[in-house]
Amino acid sequence: MRFEFKPSFDRSLKHLDSQRKDKIKEAVSKSIDFFETKIKPKGLGLKNLKGDYWEIRVTIKERVIFRFRGEVIEFIIAGTHDEIKKFLKRI
């Protein structure tokens, strides 16, 4: 399994403060570990949203969206719950 970070994901992290970035990176790291080991760490909130799109709940407000593309997991965007809702309306 391969993991890709889309340019939109990198752009979504640019405007965040370092504390929020660190929490997002930690959640992404935990999810990658889960996909590789099939052992779900405590507190990893995964939810299927729409088709191939999935959500990782980082905090109550912060989310990360990713999707499955065959053997590739694409991390697409990170943001608040409202930012994610806007993104999902556009797809």
PDB file of N, CA and C in Angstrom:
ATOM      1  N   MET A   1       0.839  -1.176   0.000  1.00  0.00           N
ATOM      2  CA  MET A   1       0.000   0.000   0.000  1.00  0.00           C
ATOM      3  C   MET A   1       0.889   1.247   0.000  1.00  0.00           C
ATOM      4  N   ARG A   2       0.516   2.213  -0.844  1.00  0.00           N
ATOM      5  CA  ARG A   2       1.260   3.472  -0.945  1.00  0.00           C
ATOM      6  C   ARG A   2       0.422   4.608  -0.373  1.00  0.00           C
ATOM      7  N   PHE A   3       1.100   5.646   0.075  1.00  0.00           N
ATOM      8  CA  PHE A   3       0.435   6.818   0.633  1.00  0.00           C
ATOM      9  C   PHE A   3       0.910   8.046  -0.129  1.00  0.00           C
ATOM     10  N   GLU A   4      -0.048   8.885  -0.529  1.00  0.00           N
ATOM     11  CA  GLU A   4       0.278  10.113  -1.246  1.00  0.00           C
ATOM     12  C   GLU A   4      -0.339  11.294  -0.517  1.00  0.00           C
ATOM     13  N   PHE A   5       0.403  12.374  -0.484  1.00  0.00           N
ATOM     14  CA  PHE A   5      -0.101  13.621   0.068  1.00  0.00           C
ATOM     15  C   PHE A   5      -0.311  14.569  -1.101  1.00  0.00           C
ATOM     16  N   LYS A   6      -1.570  14.860  -1.401  1.00  0.00           N
ATOM     17  CA  LYS A   6      -1.910  15.702  -2.534  1.00  0.00           C
ATOM     18  C   LYS A   6      -1.491  17.149  -2.253  1.00  0.00           C
ATOM     19  N   PRO A   7      -1.244  17.939  -3.299  1.00  0.00           N
ATOM     20  CA  PRO A   7      -0.901  19.360  -3.102  1.00  0.00           C
ATOM     21  C   PRO A   7      -1.957  20.103  -2.284  1.00  0.00           C
ATOM     22  N   SER A   8      -3.216  19.726  -2.425  1.00  0.00           N
ATOM     23  CA  SER A   8      -4.279  20.374  -1.645  1.00  0.00           C
ATOM     24  C   SER A   8      -4.096  20.119  -0.149  1.00  0.00           C
ATOM     25  N   PHE A   9      -3.574  18.950   0.209  1.00  0.00           N
ATOM     26  CA  PHE A   9      -3.312  18.647   1.619  1.00  0.00           C
ATOM     27  C   PHE A   9      -2.196  19.548   2.142  1.00  0.00           C
ATOM     28  N   ASP A  10      -1.123  19.660   1.372  1.00  0.00           N
ATOM     29  CA  ASP A  10      -0.011  20.526   1.780  1.00  0.00           C
ATOM     30  C   ASP A  10      -0.465  21.977   1.908  1.00  0.00           C
ATOM     31  N   ARG A  11      -1.290  22.443   0.972  1.00  0.00           N
ATOM     32  CA  ARG A  11      -1.796  23.825   1.033  1.00  0.00           C
ATOM     33  C   ARG A  11      -2.669  24.028   2.264  1.00  0.00           C
ATOM     34  N   SER A  12      -3.461  23.034   2.604  1.00  0.00           N
ATOM     35  CA  SER A  12      -4.359  23.170   3.754  1.00  0.00           C
ATOM     36  C   SER A  12      -3.589  23.259   5.069  1.00  0.00           C
ATOM     37  N   LEU A  13      -2.370  22.722   5.111  1.00  0.00           N
ATOM     38  CA  LEU A  13      -1.559  22.798   6.330  1.00  0.00           C
ATOM     39  C   LEU A  13      -0.812  24.123   6.457  1.00  0.00           C
ATOM     40  N   LYS A  14      -0.573  24.792   5.344  1.00  0.00           N
ATOM     41  CA  LYS A  14       0.261  25.999   5.355  1.00  0.00           C
ATOM     42  C   LYS A  14      -0.230  27.074   6.311  1.00  0.00           C
ATOM     43  N   HIS A  15      -1.530  27.314   6.366  1.00  0.00           N
ATOM     44  CA  HIS A  15      -2.056  28.416   7.168  1.00  0.00           C
ATOM     45  C   HIS A  15      -2.284  28.053   8.640  1.00  0.00           C
ATOM     46  N   LEU A  16      -2.013  26.822   9.007  1.00  0.00           N
ATOM     47  CA  LEU A  16      -2.257  26.377  10.383  1.00  0.00           C
ATOM     48  C   LEU A  16      -1.068  26.673  11.287  1.00  0.00           C
ATOM     49  N   ASP A  17      -1.362  26.890  12.572  1.00  0.00           N
ATOM     50  CA  ASP A  17      -0.267  27.077  13.525  1.00  0.00           C
ATOM     51  C   ASP A  17       0.404  25.732  13.794  1.00  0.00           C
ATOM     52  N   SER A  18       1.579  25.786  14.378  1.00  0.00           N
ATOM     53  CA  SER A  18       2.392  24.570  14.542  1.00  0.00           C
ATOM     54  C   SER A  18       1.713  23.527  15.432  1.00  0.00           C
ATOM     55  N   GLN A  19       0.964  23.951  16.435  1.00  0.00           N
ATOM     56  CA  GLN A  19       0.293  22.997  17.315  1.00  0.00           C
ATOM     57  C   GLN A  19      -0.765  22.199  16.542  1.00  0.00           C
ATOM     58  N   ARG A  20      -1.549  22.879  15.712  1.00  0.00           N
ATOM     59  CA  ARG A  20      -2.568  22.191  14.911  1.00  0.00           C
ATOM     60  C   ARG A  20      -1.910  21.271  13.883  1.00  0.00           C
ATOM     61  N   LYS A  21      -0.829  21.741  13.259  1.00  0.00           N
ATOM     62  CA  LYS A  21      -0.105  20.907  12.289  1.00  0.00           C
ATOM     63  C   LYS A  21       0.397  19.629  12.942  1.00  0.00           C
ATOM     64  N   ASP A  22       0.961  19.766  14.144  1.00  0.00           N
ATOM     65  CA  ASP A  22       1.496  18.596  14.847  1.00  0.00           C
ATOM     66  C   ASP A  22       0.403  17.573  15.146  1.00  0.00           C
ATOM     67  N   LYS A  23      -0.770  18.047  15.580  1.00  0.00           N
ATOM     68  CA  LYS A  23      -1.872  17.128  15.871  1.00  0.00           C
ATOM     69  C   LYS A  23      -2.332  16.404  14.608  1.00  0.00           C
ATOM     70  N   ILE A  24      -2.385  17.139  13.506  1.00  0.00           N
ATOM     71  CA  ILE A  24      -2.805  16.533  12.240  1.00  0.00           C
ATOM     72  C   ILE A  24      -1.778  15.508  11.778  1.00  0.00           C
ATOM     73  N   LYS A  25      -0.504  15.869  11.864  1.00  0.00           N
ATOM     74  CA  LYS A  25       0.549  14.934  11.449  1.00  0.00           C
ATOM     75  C   LYS A  25       0.540  13.671  12.305  1.00  0.00           C
ATOM     76  N   GLU A  26       0.275  13.825  13.598  1.00  0.00           N
ATOM     77  CA  GLU A  26       0.212  12.664  14.489  1.00  0.00           C
ATOM     78  C   GLU A  26      -0.964  11.750  14.112  1.00  0.00           C
ATOM     79  N   ALA A  27      -2.112  12.347  13.815  1.00  0.00           N
ATOM     80  CA  ALA A  27      -3.281  11.552  13.428  1.00  0.00           C
ATOM     81  C   ALA A  27      -3.040  10.832  12.105  1.00  0.00           C
ATOM     82  N   VAL A  28      -2.404  11.513  11.154  1.00  0.00           N
ATOM     83  CA  VAL A  28      -2.094  10.884   9.868  1.00  0.00           C
ATOM     84  C   VAL A  28      -1.119   9.730  10.077  1.00  0.00           C
ATOM     85  N   SER A  29      -0.130   9.937  10.933  1.00  0.00           N
ATOM     86  CA  SER A  29       0.841   8.887  11.227  1.00  0.00           C
ATOM     87  C   SER A  29       0.157   7.664  11.848  1.00  0.00           C
ATOM     88  N   LYS A  30      -0.765   7.900  12.779  1.00  0.00           N
ATOM     89  CA  LYS A  30      -1.508   6.793  13.398  1.00  0.00           C
ATOM     90  C   LYS A  30      -2.340   6.049  12.362  1.00  0.00           C
ATOM     91  N   SER A  31      -2.939   6.800  11.440  1.00  0.00           N
ATOM     92  CA  SER A  31      -3.759   6.135  10.427  1.00  0.00           C
ATOM     93  C   SER A  31      -2.902   5.306   9.477  1.00  0.00           C
ATOM     94  N   ILE A  32      -1.721   5.806   9.120  1.00  0.00           N
ATOM     95  CA  ILE A  32      -0.812   5.036   8.268  1.00  0.00           C
ATOM     96  C   ILE A  32      -0.393   3.753   8.981  1.00  0.00           C
ATOM     97  N   ASP A  33      -0.071   3.866  10.271  1.00  0.00           N
ATOM     98  CA  ASP A  33       0.268   2.668  11.053  1.00  0.00           C
ATOM     99  C   ASP A  33      -0.887   1.666  11.038  1.00  0.00           C
ATOM    100  N   PHE A  34      -2.108   2.170  11.181  1.00  0.00           N
ATOM    101  CA  PHE A  34      -3.284   1.302  11.170  1.00  0.00           C
ATOM    102  C   PHE A  34      -3.416   0.569   9.835  1.00  0.00           C
ATOM    103  N   PHE A  35      -3.243   1.290   8.728  1.00  0.00           N
ATOM    104  CA  PHE A  35      -3.382   0.658   7.412  1.00  0.00           C
ATOM    105  C   PHE A  35      -2.292  -0.378   7.163  1.00  0.00           C
ATOM    106  N   GLU A  36      -1.122  -0.163   7.743  1.00  0.00           N
ATOM    107  CA  GLU A  36      -0.018  -1.104   7.542  1.00  0.00           C
ATOM    108  C   GLU A  36      -0.102  -2.312   8.466  1.00  0.00           C
ATOM    109  N   THR A  37      -0.551  -2.112   9.708  1.00  0.00           N
ATOM    110  CA  THR A  37      -0.552  -3.195  10.692  1.00  0.00           C
ATOM    111  C   THR A  37      -1.924  -3.827  10.917  1.00  0.00           C
ATOM    112  N   LYS A  38      -2.986  -3.120  10.513  1.00  0.00           N
ATOM    113  CA  LYS A  38      -4.374  -3.553  10.738  1.00  0.00           C
ATOM    114  C   LYS A  38      -4.744  -3.565  12.221  1.00  0.00           C
ATOM    115  N   ILE A  39      -3.945  -2.881  13.037  1.00  0.00           N
ATOM    116  CA  ILE A  39      -4.246  -2.740  14.465  1.00  0.00           C
ATOM    117  C   ILE A  39      -4.656  -1.292  14.697  1.00  0.00           C
ATOM    118  N   LYS A  40      -5.925  -1.093  15.077  1.00  0.00           N
ATOM    119  CA  LYS A  40      -6.446   0.265  15.242  1.00  0.00           C
ATOM    120  C   LYS A  40      -6.024   0.827  16.594  1.00  0.00           C
ATOM    121  N   PRO A  41      -5.284   1.958  16.576  1.00  0.00           N
ATOM    122  CA  PRO A  41      -4.889   2.563  17.844  1.00  0.00           C
ATOM    123  C   PRO A  41      -6.087   3.215  18.534  1.00  0.00           C
ATOM    124  N   LYS A  42      -6.035   3.258  19.829  1.00  0.00           N
ATOM    125  CA  LYS A  42      -7.105   3.858  20.610  1.00  0.00           C
ATOM    126  C   LYS A  42      -7.227   5.338  20.248  1.00  0.00           C
ATOM    127  N   GLY A  43      -8.450   5.772  20.033  1.00  0.00           N
ATOM    128  CA  GLY A  43      -8.693   7.180  19.753  1.00  0.00           C
ATOM    129  C   GLY A  43      -8.640   7.571  18.291  1.00  0.00           C
ATOM    130  N   LEU A  44      -8.340   6.634  17.401  1.00  0.00           N
ATOM    131  CA  LEU A  44      -8.307   6.955  15.977  1.00  0.00           C
ATOM    132  C   LEU A  44      -9.740   6.922  15.448  1.00  0.00           C
ATOM    133  N   GLY A  45     -10.269   8.100  15.144  1.00  0.00           N
ATOM    134  CA  GLY A  45     -11.642   8.199  14.659  1.00  0.00           C
ATOM    135  C   GLY A  45     -11.696   8.171  13.149  1.00  0.00           C
ATOM    136  N   LEU A  46     -12.153   7.072  12.583  1.00  0.00           N
ATOM    137  CA  LEU A  46     -12.297   6.931  11.134  1.00  0.00           C
ATOM    138  C   LEU A  46     -13.778   6.852  10.791  1.00  0.00           C
ATOM    139  N   LYS A  47     -14.146   7.514   9.696  1.00  0.00           N
ATOM    140  CA  LYS A  47     -15.544   7.500   9.288  1.00  0.00           C
ATOM    141  C   LYS A  47     -15.624   7.596   7.769  1.00  0.00           C
ATOM    142  N   ASN A  48     -16.440   6.733   7.171  1.00  0.00           N
ATOM    143  CA  ASN A  48     -16.687   6.812   5.734  1.00  0.00           C
ATOM    144  C   ASN A  48     -17.670   7.943   5.485  1.00  0.00           C
ATOM    145  N   LEU A  49     -17.317   8.838   4.554  1.00  0.00           N
ATOM    146  CA  LEU A  49     -18.158   9.995   4.300  1.00  0.00           C
ATOM    147  C   LEU A  49     -19.004   9.853   3.049  1.00  0.00           C
ATOM    148  N   LYS A  50     -18.330   9.559   1.932  1.00  0.00           N
ATOM    149  CA  LYS A  50     -19.019   9.603   0.648  1.00  0.00           C
ATOM    150  C   LYS A  50     -18.191   8.808  -0.346  1.00  0.00           C
ATOM    151  N   GLY A  51     -18.682   7.673  -0.781  1.00  0.00           N
ATOM    152  CA  GLY A  51     -17.939   6.882  -1.752  1.00  0.00           C
ATOM    153  C   GLY A  51     -16.588   6.450  -1.219  1.00  0.00           C
ATOM    154  N   ASP A  52     -15.520   6.858  -1.910  1.00  0.00           N
ATOM    155  CA  ASP A  52     -14.153   6.510  -1.514  1.00  0.00           C
ATOM    156  C   ASP A  52     -13.578   7.448  -0.461  1.00  0.00           C
ATOM    157  N   TYR A  53     -14.308   8.488  -0.085  1.00  0.00           N
ATOM    158  CA  TYR A  53     -13.791   9.509   0.826  1.00  0.00           C
ATOM    159  C   TYR A  53     -14.025   9.120   2.281  1.00  0.00           C
ATOM    160  N   TRP A  54     -12.965   9.266   3.059  1.00  0.00           N
ATOM    161  CA  TRP A  54     -12.987   8.944   4.480  1.00  0.00           C
ATOM    162  C   TRP A  54     -12.480  10.126   5.280  1.00  0.00           C
ATOM    163  N   GLU A  55     -12.831  10.133   6.561  1.00  0.00           N
ATOM    164  CA  GLU A  55     -12.443  11.211   7.462  1.00  0.00           C
ATOM    165  C   GLU A  55     -11.686  10.635   8.652  1.00  0.00           C
ATOM    166  N   ILE A  56     -10.644  11.352   9.060  1.00  0.00           N
ATOM    167  CA  ILE A  56      -9.956  11.085  10.323  1.00  0.00           C
ATOM    168  C   ILE A  56     -10.299  12.252  11.234  1.00  0.00           C
ATOM    169  N   ARG A  57     -10.846  11.973  12.397  1.00  0.00           N
ATOM    170  CA  ARG A  57     -11.133  13.033  13.360  1.00  0.00           C
ATOM    171  C   ARG A  57      -9.887  13.248  14.207  1.00  0.00           C
ATOM    172  N   VAL A  58      -9.290  14.427  14.030  1.00  0.00           N
ATOM    173  CA  VAL A  58      -8.065  14.770  14.757  1.00  0.00           C
ATOM    174  C   VAL A  58      -8.435  15.290  16.138  1.00  0.00           C
ATOM    175  N   THR A  59      -9.317  16.279  16.175  1.00  0.00           N
ATOM    176  CA  THR A  59      -9.879  16.832  17.409  1.00  0.00           C
ATOM    177  C   THR A  59     -11.377  17.012  17.158  1.00  0.00           C
ATOM    178  N   ILE A  60     -12.052  17.645  18.085  1.00  0.00           N
ATOM    179  CA  ILE A  60     -13.476  17.896  17.878  1.00  0.00           C
ATOM    180  C   ILE A  60     -13.684  18.756  16.637  1.00  0.00           C
ATOM    181  N   LYS A  61     -12.767  19.686  16.380  1.00  0.00           N
ATOM    182  CA  LYS A  61     -12.918  20.603  15.248  1.00  0.00           C
ATOM    183  C   LYS A  61     -12.123  20.205  14.010  1.00  0.00           C
ATOM    184  N   GLU A  62     -10.997  19.558  14.177  1.00  0.00           N
ATOM    185  CA  GLU A  62     -10.083  19.287  13.056  1.00  0.00           C
ATOM    186  C   GLU A  62     -10.343  17.924  12.422  1.00  0.00           C
ATOM    187  N   ARG A  63     -10.278  17.904  11.091  1.00  0.00           N
ATOM    188  CA  ARG A  63     -10.494  16.684  10.325  1.00  0.00           C
ATOM    189  C   ARG A  63      -9.441  16.553   9.230  1.00  0.00           C
ATOM    190  N   VAL A  64      -9.221  15.336   8.772  1.00  0.00           N
ATOM    191  CA  VAL A  64      -8.381  15.051   7.607  1.00  0.00           C
ATOM    192  C   VAL A  64      -9.214  14.171   6.679  1.00  0.00           C
ATOM    193  N   ILE A  65      -9.225  14.524   5.403  1.00  0.00           N
ATOM    194  CA  ILE A  65      -9.955  13.741   4.411  1.00  0.00           C
ATOM    195  C   ILE A  65      -8.952  12.976   3.554  1.00  0.00           C
ATOM    196  N   PHE A  66      -9.252  11.698   3.333  1.00  0.00           N
ATOM    197  CA  PHE A  66      -8.428  10.880   2.447  1.00  0.00           C
ATOM    198  C   PHE A  66      -9.349   9.990   1.632  1.00  0.00           C
ATOM    199  N   ARG A  67      -8.796   9.387   0.595  1.00  0.00           N
ATOM    200  CA  ARG A  67      -9.576   8.452  -0.213  1.00  0.00           C
ATOM    201  C   ARG A  67      -8.704   7.300  -0.667  1.00  0.00           C
ATOM    202  N   PHE A  68      -9.376   6.198  -0.942  1.00  0.00           N
ATOM    203  CA  PHE A  68      -8.716   5.003  -1.458  1.00  0.00           C
ATOM    204  C   PHE A  68      -8.760   5.038  -2.978  1.00  0.00           C
ATOM    205  N   ARG A  69      -7.620   4.826  -3.605  1.00  0.00           N
ATOM    206  CA  ARG A  69      -7.511   4.704  -5.063  1.00  0.00           C
ATOM    207  C   ARG A  69      -6.719   3.441  -5.347  1.00  0.00           C
ATOM    208  N   GLY A  70      -7.401   2.310  -5.369  1.00  0.00           N
ATOM    209  CA  GLY A  70      -6.713   1.036  -5.559  1.00  0.00           C
ATOM    210  C   GLY A  70      -5.793   0.758  -4.384  1.00  0.00           C
ATOM    211  N   GLU A  71      -4.504   0.649  -4.650  1.00  0.00           N
ATOM    212  CA  GLU A  71      -3.502   0.383  -3.611  1.00  0.00           C
ATOM    213  C   GLU A  71      -2.901   1.667  -3.036  1.00  0.00           C
ATOM    214  N   VAL A  72      -3.500   2.809  -3.373  1.00  0.00           N
ATOM    215  CA  VAL A  72      -2.978   4.106  -2.928  1.00  0.00           C
ATOM    216  C   VAL A  72      -4.000   4.772  -2.020  1.00  0.00           C
ATOM    217  N   ILE A  73      -3.505   5.324  -0.916  1.00  0.00           N
ATOM    218  CA  ILE A  73      -4.333   6.166  -0.059  1.00  0.00           C
ATOM    219  C   ILE A  73      -3.855   7.595  -0.256  1.00  0.00           C
ATOM    220  N   GLU A  74      -4.786   8.457  -0.686  1.00  0.00           N
ATOM    221  CA  GLU A  74      -4.463   9.854  -0.969  1.00  0.00           C
ATOM    222  C   GLU A  74      -5.002  10.736   0.146  1.00  0.00           C
ATOM    223  N   PHE A  75      -4.106  11.431   0.835  1.00  0.00           N
ATOM    224  CA  PHE A  75      -4.520  12.412   1.828  1.00  0.00           C
ATOM    225  C   PHE A  75      -4.796  13.704   1.076  1.00  0.00           C
ATOM    226  N   ILE A  76      -6.026  14.205   1.182  1.00  0.00           N
ATOM    227  CA  ILE A  76      -6.488  15.269   0.298  1.00  0.00           C
ATOM    228  C   ILE A  76      -6.518  16.636   0.958  1.00  0.00           C
ATOM    229  N   ILE A  77      -7.084  16.731   2.143  1.00  0.00           N
ATOM    230  CA  ILE A  77      -7.238  18.038   2.776  1.00  0.00           C
ATOM    231  C   ILE A  77      -7.336  17.867   4.286  1.00  0.00           C
ATOM    232  N   ALA A  78      -6.879  18.886   5.002  1.00  0.00           N
ATOM    233  CA  ALA A  78      -7.031  18.954   6.452  1.00  0.00           C
ATOM    234  C   ALA A  78      -7.697  20.280   6.769  1.00  0.00           C
ATOM    235  N   GLY A  79      -8.583  20.278   7.744  1.00  0.00           N
ATOM    236  CA  GLY A  79      -9.245  21.526   8.098  1.00  0.00           C
ATOM    237  C   GLY A  79     -10.298  21.319   9.161  1.00  0.00           C
ATOM    238  N   THR A  80     -11.049  22.388   9.396  1.00  0.00           N
ATOM    239  CA  THR A  80     -12.119  22.328  10.380  1.00  0.00           C
ATOM    240  C   THR A  80     -13.302  21.568   9.796  1.00  0.00           C
ATOM    241  N   HIS A  81     -14.224  21.255  10.660  1.00  0.00           N
ATOM    242  CA  HIS A  81     -15.428  20.544  10.236  1.00  0.00           C
ATOM    243  C   HIS A  81     -16.140  21.325   9.128  1.00  0.00           C
ATOM    244  N   ASP A  82     -16.252  22.646   9.272  1.00  0.00           N
ATOM    245  CA  ASP A  82     -16.928  23.472   8.262  1.00  0.00           C
ATOM    246  C   ASP A  82     -16.168  23.490   6.941  1.00  0.00           C
ATOM    247  N   GLU A  83     -14.843  23.559   6.989  1.00  0.00           N
ATOM    248  CA  GLU A  83     -14.041  23.538   5.761  1.00  0.00           C
ATOM    249  C   GLU A  83     -14.210  22.214   5.020  1.00  0.00           C
ATOM    250  N   ILE A  84     -14.298  21.135   5.777  1.00  0.00           N
ATOM    251  CA  ILE A  84     -14.477  19.815   5.172  1.00  0.00           C
ATOM    252  C   ILE A  84     -15.859  19.716   4.525  1.00  0.00           C
ATOM    253  N   LYS A  85     -16.886  20.260   5.182  1.00  0.00           N
ATOM    254  CA  LYS A  85     -18.229  20.253   4.601  1.00  0.00           C
ATOM    255  C   LYS A  85     -18.248  20.997   3.270  1.00  0.00           C
ATOM    256  N   LYS A  86     -17.574  22.142   3.203  1.00  0.00           N
ATOM    257  CA  LYS A  86     -17.501  22.912   1.955  1.00  0.00           C
ATOM    258  C   LYS A  86     -16.796  22.104   0.871  1.00  0.00           C
ATOM    259  N   PHE A  87     -15.712  21.432   1.238  1.00  0.00           N
ATOM    260  CA  PHE A  87     -14.974  20.612   0.278  1.00  0.00           C
ATOM    261  C   PHE A  87     -15.860  19.500  -0.278  1.00  0.00           C
ATOM    262  N   LEU A  88     -16.577  18.819   0.602  1.00  0.00           N
ATOM    263  CA  LEU A  88     -17.402  17.689   0.181  1.00  0.00           C
ATOM    264  C   LEU A  88     -18.554  18.123  -0.727  1.00  0.00           C
ATOM    265  N   LYS A  89     -19.043  19.331  -0.554  1.00  0.00           N
ATOM    266  CA  LYS A  89     -20.117  19.825  -1.422  1.00  0.00           C
ATOM    267  C   LYS A  89     -19.625  20.043  -2.844  1.00  0.00           C
ATOM    268  N   ARG A  90     -18.326  20.298  -3.003  1.00  0.00           N
ATOM    269  CA  ARG A  90     -17.761  20.575  -4.324  1.00  0.00           C
ATOM    270  C   ARG A  90     -17.411  19.312  -5.107  1.00  0.00           C
ATOM    271  N   ILE A  91     -17.421  18.158  -4.468  1.00  0.00           N
ATOM    272  CA  ILE A  91     -17.038  16.937  -5.195  1.00  0.00           C
ATOM    273  C   ILE A  91     -18.259  16.171  -5.675  1.00  0.00           C
TER     274      ILE A  91
END
